[in-house]
C-alpha atoms as a PDB file:
ATOM      1  CA  UNK A   1      -7.869  31.237  81.793  1.00  0.00           C
ATOM      2  CA  UNK A   2      -6.231  27.545  81.399  1.00  0.00           C
ATOM      3  CA  UNK A   3      -3.443  28.054  79.308  1.00  0.00           C
ATOM      4  CA  UNK A   4      -5.020  26.027  76.244  1.00  0.00           C
ATOM      5  CA  UNK A   5      -8.288  28.402  76.422  1.00  0.00           C
ATOM      6  CA  UNK A   6      -6.222  31.281  76.212  1.00  0.00           C
ATOM      7  CA  UNK A   7      -4.432  29.944  73.302  1.00  0.00           C
ATOM      8  CA  UNK A   8      -7.448  28.898  71.592  1.00  0.00           C
ATOM      9  CA  UNK A   9      -9.014  32.609  71.984  1.00  0.00           C
ATOM     10  CA  UNK A  10      -6.139  34.222  70.367  1.00  0.00           C
ATOM     11  CA  UNK A  11      -6.122  31.941  67.806  1.00  0.00           C
ATOM     12  CA  UNK A  12      -9.907  32.447  67.144  1.00  0.00           C
ATOM     13  CA  UNK A  13      -9.171  36.104  67.310  1.00  0.00           C
ATOM     14  CA  UNK A  14      -6.357  35.774  65.030  1.00  0.00           C
ATOM     15  CA  UNK A  15      -7.707  33.810  62.354  1.00  0.00           C
ATOM     16  CA  UNK A  16     -11.314  35.272  62.379  1.00  0.00           C
ATOM     17  CA  UNK A  17      -9.565  38.691  61.133  1.00  0.00           C
ATOM     18  CA  UNK A  18      -7.373  37.055  58.592  1.00  0.00           C
ATOM     19  CA  UNK A  19     -10.213  34.693  57.113  1.00  0.00           C
ATOM     20  CA  UNK A  20     -12.983  37.307  56.865  1.00  0.00           C
ATOM     21  CA  UNK A  21     -10.552  39.741  55.468  1.00  0.00           C
ATOM     22  CA  UNK A  22      -9.592  37.495  52.970  1.00  0.00           C
ATOM     23  CA  UNK A  23     -13.245  36.810  51.782  1.00  0.00           C
ATOM     24  CA  UNK A  24     -14.287  40.648  52.014  1.00  0.00           C
ATOM     25  CA  UNK A  25     -11.588  41.959  49.638  1.00  0.00           C
ATOM     26  CA  UNK A  26     -10.590  45.686  49.450  1.00  0.00           C
ATOM     27  CA  UNK A  27     -14.022  47.396  49.670  1.00  0.00           C
ATOM     28  CA  UNK A  28     -14.396  46.204  53.098  1.00  0.00           C
ATOM     29  CA  UNK A  29     -11.372  46.950  54.568  1.00  0.00           C
ATOM     30  CA  UNK A  30     -12.381  51.372  53.495  1.00  0.00           C
ATOM     31  CA  UNK A  31     -15.841  50.467  55.619  1.00  0.00           C
ATOM     32  CA  UNK A  32     -15.743  51.346  59.335  1.00  0.00           C
ATOM     33  CA  UNK A  33     -19.384  50.081  60.276  1.00  0.00           C
ATOM     34  CA  UNK A  34     -19.598  47.541  57.638  1.00  0.00           C
ATOM     35  CA  UNK A  35     -22.815  44.939  57.939  1.00  0.00           C
ATOM     36  CA  UNK A  36     -21.871  41.116  59.085  1.00  0.00           C
ATOM     37  CA  UNK A  37     -21.412  39.409  55.839  1.00  0.00           C
ATOM     38  CA  UNK A  38     -24.397  36.957  55.591  1.00  0.00           C
ATOM     39  CA  UNK A  39     -22.248  34.143  54.334  1.00  0.00           C
ATOM     40  CA  UNK A  40     -19.668  34.067  57.246  1.00  0.00           C
ATOM     41  CA  UNK A  41     -20.383  31.956  60.374  1.00  0.00           C
ATOM     42  CA  UNK A  42     -18.026  30.987  63.347  1.00  0.00           C
ATOM     43  CA  UNK A  43     -18.739  28.239  65.635  1.00  0.00           C
ATOM     44  CA  UNK A  44     -16.788  26.906  68.579  1.00  0.00           C
ATOM     45  CA  UNK A  45     -14.963  23.529  68.302  1.00  0.00           C
ATOM     46  CA  UNK A  46     -16.052  21.750  71.892  1.00  0.00           C
ATOM     47  CA  UNK A  47     -15.028  18.691  73.748  1.00  0.00           C
ATOM     48  CA  UNK A  48     -17.797  16.259  73.212  1.00  0.00           C
ATOM     49  CA  UNK A  49     -17.408  12.577  72.389  1.00  0.00           C
ATOM     50  CA  UNK A  50     -20.663  12.503  70.690  1.00  0.00           C
ATOM     51  CA  UNK A  51     -23.683  13.630  69.077  1.00  0.00           C
ATOM     52  CA  UNK A  52     -26.146  13.322  66.384  1.00  0.00           C
ATOM     53  CA  UNK A  53     -25.541  14.545  62.668  1.00  0.00           C
ATOM     54  CA  UNK A  54     -26.114  18.049  63.143  1.00  0.00           C
ATOM     55  CA  UNK A  55     -24.834  18.293  66.703  1.00  0.00           C
ATOM     56  CA  UNK A  56     -28.008  19.376  67.812  1.00  0.00           C
ATOM     57  CA  UNK A  57     -27.049  19.295  71.646  1.00  0.00           C
ATOM     58  CA  UNK A  58     -23.259  20.532  71.470  1.00  0.00           C
ATOM     59  CA  UNK A  59     -23.151  23.928  73.298  1.00  0.00           C
ATOM     60  CA  UNK A  60     -20.101  26.386  73.994  1.00  0.00           C
ATOM     61  CA  UNK A  61     -21.853  27.690  77.129  1.00  0.00           C
ATOM     62  CA  UNK A  62     -18.579  26.122  79.159  1.00  0.00           C
ATOM     63  CA  UNK A  63     -15.299  28.004  77.947  1.00  0.00           C
ATOM     64  CA  UNK A  64     -12.972  25.115  79.524  1.00  0.00           C
ATOM     65  CA  UNK A  65     -14.499  22.876  77.126  1.00  0.00           C
ATOM     66  CA  UNK A  66     -13.872  25.240  73.822  1.00  0.00           C
ATOM     67  CA  UNK A  67     -10.858  23.533  71.754  1.00  0.00           C
ATOM     68  CA  UNK A  68     -11.048  25.732  68.750  1.00  0.00           C
ATOM     69  CA  UNK A  69     -13.086  27.657  66.389  1.00  0.00           C
ATOM     70  CA  UNK A  70     -14.312  26.994  62.277  1.00  0.00           C
ATOM     71  CA  UNK A  71     -14.979  29.949  59.832  1.00  0.00           C
ATOM     72  CA  UNK A  72     -17.243  28.684  57.689  1.00  0.00           C
ATOM     73  CA  UNK A  73     -17.822  30.873  54.187  1.00  0.00           C
ATOM     74  CA  UNK A  74     -20.517  30.138  51.738  1.00  0.00           C
ATOM     75  CA  UNK A  75     -18.935  31.241  47.997  1.00  0.00           C
ATOM     76  CA  UNK A  76     -21.289  32.346  44.997  1.00  0.00           C
ATOM     77  CA  UNK A  77     -19.191  29.625  42.962  1.00  0.00           C
ATOM     78  CA  UNK A  78     -21.372  26.980  44.954  1.00  0.00           C
ATOM     79  CA  UNK A  79     -18.321  26.282  47.287  1.00  0.00           C
ATOM     80  CA  UNK A  80     -18.168  26.375  51.095  1.00  0.00           C
ATOM     81  CA  UNK A  81     -14.797  27.147  52.574  1.00  0.00           C
ATOM     82  CA  UNK A  82     -13.946  26.465  56.176  1.00  0.00           C
ATOM     83  CA  UNK A  83     -10.988  27.750  58.183  1.00  0.00           C
ATOM     84  CA  UNK A  84     -10.029  25.398  61.336  1.00  0.00           C
ATOM     85  CA  UNK A  85      -8.033  26.543  64.471  1.00  0.00           C
ATOM     86  CA  UNK A  86      -7.316  24.086  67.356  1.00  0.00           C
ATOM     87  CA  UNK A  87      -5.485  23.638  70.450  1.00  0.00           C
ATOM     88  CA  UNK A  88      -5.527  19.882  71.199  1.00  0.00           C
ATOM     89  CA  UNK A  89      -3.262  17.117  72.044  1.00  0.00           C
ATOM     90  CA  UNK A  90       0.276  17.734  70.569  1.00  0.00           C
ATOM     91  CA  UNK A  91       1.697  16.135  67.428  1.00  0.00           C
ATOM     92  CA  UNK A  92      -1.316  14.462  66.845  1.00  0.00           C
ATOM     93  CA  UNK A  93      -3.195  14.112  63.099  1.00  0.00           C
ATOM     94  CA  UNK A  94      -6.931  15.259  63.504  1.00  0.00           C
ATOM     95  CA  UNK A  95      -9.294  14.000  60.933  1.00  0.00           C
ATOM     96  CA  UNK A  96     -11.882  16.623  59.981  1.00  0.00           C
ATOM     97  CA  UNK A  97     -15.314  15.354  59.439  1.00  0.00           C
ATOM     98  CA  UNK A  98     -18.337  17.552  57.576  1.00  0.00           C
ATOM     99  CA  UNK A  99     -20.755  15.416  59.828  1.00  0.00           C
ATOM    100  CA  UNK A 100     -22.549  12.351  58.998  1.00  0.00           C
ATOM    101  CA  UNK A 101     -21.485  13.265  55.283  1.00  0.00           C
ATOM    102  CA  UNK A 102     -17.400  12.727  54.528  1.00  0.00           C
ATOM    103  CA  UNK A 103     -14.046  13.238  55.559  1.00  0.00           C
ATOM    104  CA  UNK A 104     -12.880  16.758  54.747  1.00  0.00           C
ATOM    105  CA  UNK A 105      -9.260  16.071  55.253  1.00  0.00           C
ATOM    106  CA  UNK A 106      -6.608  16.296  58.074  1.00  0.00           C
ATOM    107  CA  UNK A 107      -5.195  18.707  60.471  1.00  0.00           C
ATOM    108  CA  UNK A 108      -1.781  17.857  62.417  1.00  0.00           C
ATOM    109  CA  UNK A 109      -1.221  20.080  65.959  1.00  0.00           C
ATOM    110  CA  UNK A 110       2.077  21.112  66.511  1.00  0.00           C
ATOM    111  CA  UNK A 111       4.400  20.232  69.659  1.00  0.00           C
ATOM    112  CA  UNK A 112       2.198  22.664  71.533  1.00  0.00           C
ATOM    113  CA  UNK A 113      -0.776  21.339  70.133  1.00  0.00           C
ATOM    114  CA  UNK A 114      -1.757  24.322  67.823  1.00  0.00           C
ATOM    115  CA  UNK A 115      -2.749  23.759  64.353  1.00  0.00           C
ATOM    116  CA  UNK A 116      -4.824  25.280  61.170  1.00  0.00           C
ATOM    117  CA  UNK A 117      -6.077  24.215  58.268  1.00  0.00           C
ATOM    118  CA  UNK A 118      -8.449  24.850  55.101  1.00  0.00           C
ATOM    119  CA  UNK A 119     -11.089  23.180  53.772  1.00  0.00           C
ATOM    120  CA  UNK A 120     -13.521  23.237  51.021  1.00  0.00           C
ATOM    121  CA  UNK A 121     -16.703  21.543  49.909  1.00  0.00           C
ATOM    122  CA  UNK A 122     -19.519  21.856  47.686  1.00  0.00           C
ATOM    123  CA  UNK A 123     -22.199  23.704  49.303  1.00  0.00           C
ATOM    124  CA  UNK A 124     -25.005  21.517  48.013  1.00  0.00           C
ATOM    125  CA  UNK A 125     -23.429  18.376  50.166  1.00  0.00           C
ATOM    126  CA  UNK A 126     -24.675  20.393  53.361  1.00  0.00           C
ATOM    127  CA  UNK A 127     -27.924  21.577  53.668  1.00  0.00           C
ATOM    128  CA  UNK A 128     -28.650  25.063  55.990  1.00  0.00           C
ATOM    129  CA  UNK A 129     -27.655  23.352  58.990  1.00  0.00           C
ATOM    130  CA  UNK A 130     -24.655  21.290  59.429  1.00  0.00           C
ATOM    131  CA  UNK A 131     -21.881  20.214  61.708  1.00  0.00           C
ATOM    132  CA  UNK A 132     -18.007  19.120  62.098  1.00  0.00           C
ATOM    133  CA  UNK A 133     -16.574  16.640  64.297  1.00  0.00           C
ATOM    134  CA  UNK A 134     -12.738  16.191  64.455  1.00  0.00           C
ATOM    135  CA  UNK A 135     -10.853  12.942  65.948  1.00  0.00           C
ATOM    136  CA  UNK A 136      -7.473  11.346  65.781  1.00  0.00           C
ATOM    137  CA  UNK A 137      -7.484   7.903  64.348  1.00  0.00           C
ATOM    138  CA  UNK A 138      -9.249   5.354  66.668  1.00  0.00           C
ATOM    139  CA  UNK A 139     -11.232   8.165  68.280  1.00  0.00           C
ATOM    140  CA  UNK A 140     -10.401   8.201  71.505  1.00  0.00           C
ATOM    141  CA  UNK A 141     -12.883   9.241  74.474  1.00  0.00           C
ATOM    142  CA  UNK A 142     -11.863  12.648  75.510  1.00  0.00           C
ATOM    143  CA  UNK A 143     -10.291  13.597  72.640  1.00  0.00           C
ATOM    144  CA  UNK A 144     -12.915  14.050  70.181  1.00  0.00           C
ATOM    145  CA  UNK A 145     -14.164  17.754  69.313  1.00  0.00           C
ATOM    146  CA  UNK A 146     -17.836  18.433  68.110  1.00  0.00           C
ATOM    147  CA  UNK A 147     -18.948  21.766  66.232  1.00  0.00           C
ATOM    148  CA  UNK A 148     -21.804  24.187  67.350  1.00  0.00           C
ATOM    149  CA  UNK A 149     -24.179  23.996  64.504  1.00  0.00           C
ATOM    150  CA  UNK A 150     -23.751  25.778  61.265  1.00  0.00           C
ATOM    151  CA  UNK A 151     -26.453  27.682  60.291  1.00  0.00           C
ATOM    152  CA  UNK A 152     -27.149  29.425  57.172  1.00  0.00           C
END
């Protein structure tokens, strides 16, 4: 396994447990066989230059192309929160977009190419199927990421 993919997998495991736990509350910690949260989704960020607005042709079937994960939580308050962990080019600022809607903010990688950021948007800005894209200024080919579709 490539070093970057191992880091992305490790980041994914660590952040998923922390992110899900932050929204689950203490009652979930006491349950040993809790049902999956219907308001939580986890999608891969795949190195791919282009796709349509819903990323209909994005797949994470090739693990060598996965560069991160986005954890999405739909809150009862009408807000959707997204926590992103990526392993990409070192010391680079990436723009993180709710695909074909708007920029949600920036995520900047450290010297080993790893970064974590949290974003929020109004749930009504997206339908039940939506996607993200991530790329640095100028959107150089080979350095763009598309999410697998988020489906609620």
